[in-house]
Amino acid sequence: FIILFYIFYIVSFNVLLFYCIV
């Protein structure tokens, strides 16, 4: 399902951002 992939992409992007800030 495309929406699931989109959610996964957003979550992984947020995790990356979080690790960059911390």
Protein backbone atom coordinates (compact mmCIF):
# COMPACT_ATOMS: atom_id res chain seq x y z
CA PHE A 1 0.00 0.00 0.00
CA ILE A 2 1.36 3.41 -1.06
CA ILE A 3 0.20 5.25 2.08
CA LEU A 4 2.09 2.83 4.32
CA PHE A 5 5.28 3.50 2.36
CA TYR A 6 4.67 7.24 2.66
CA ILE A 7 4.24 6.98 6.44
CA PHE A 8 7.42 4.91 6.69
CA TYR A 9 9.28 7.55 4.67
CA ILE A 10 8.07 10.37 6.93
CA VAL A 11 8.96 8.46 10.10
CA SER A 12 12.45 7.57 8.90
CA PHE A 13 13.01 11.17 7.84
CA ASN A 14 11.94 12.40 11.28
CA VAL A 15 14.28 9.92 12.95
CA LEU A 16 17.15 11.15 10.79
CA LEU A 17 16.35 14.73 11.69
CA PHE A 18 16.17 13.82 15.37
CA TYR A 19 19.61 12.19 15.27
CA CYS A 20 21.04 15.22 13.50
CA ILE A 21 19.68 17.58 16.16
CA VAL A 22 20.82 15.36 19.05
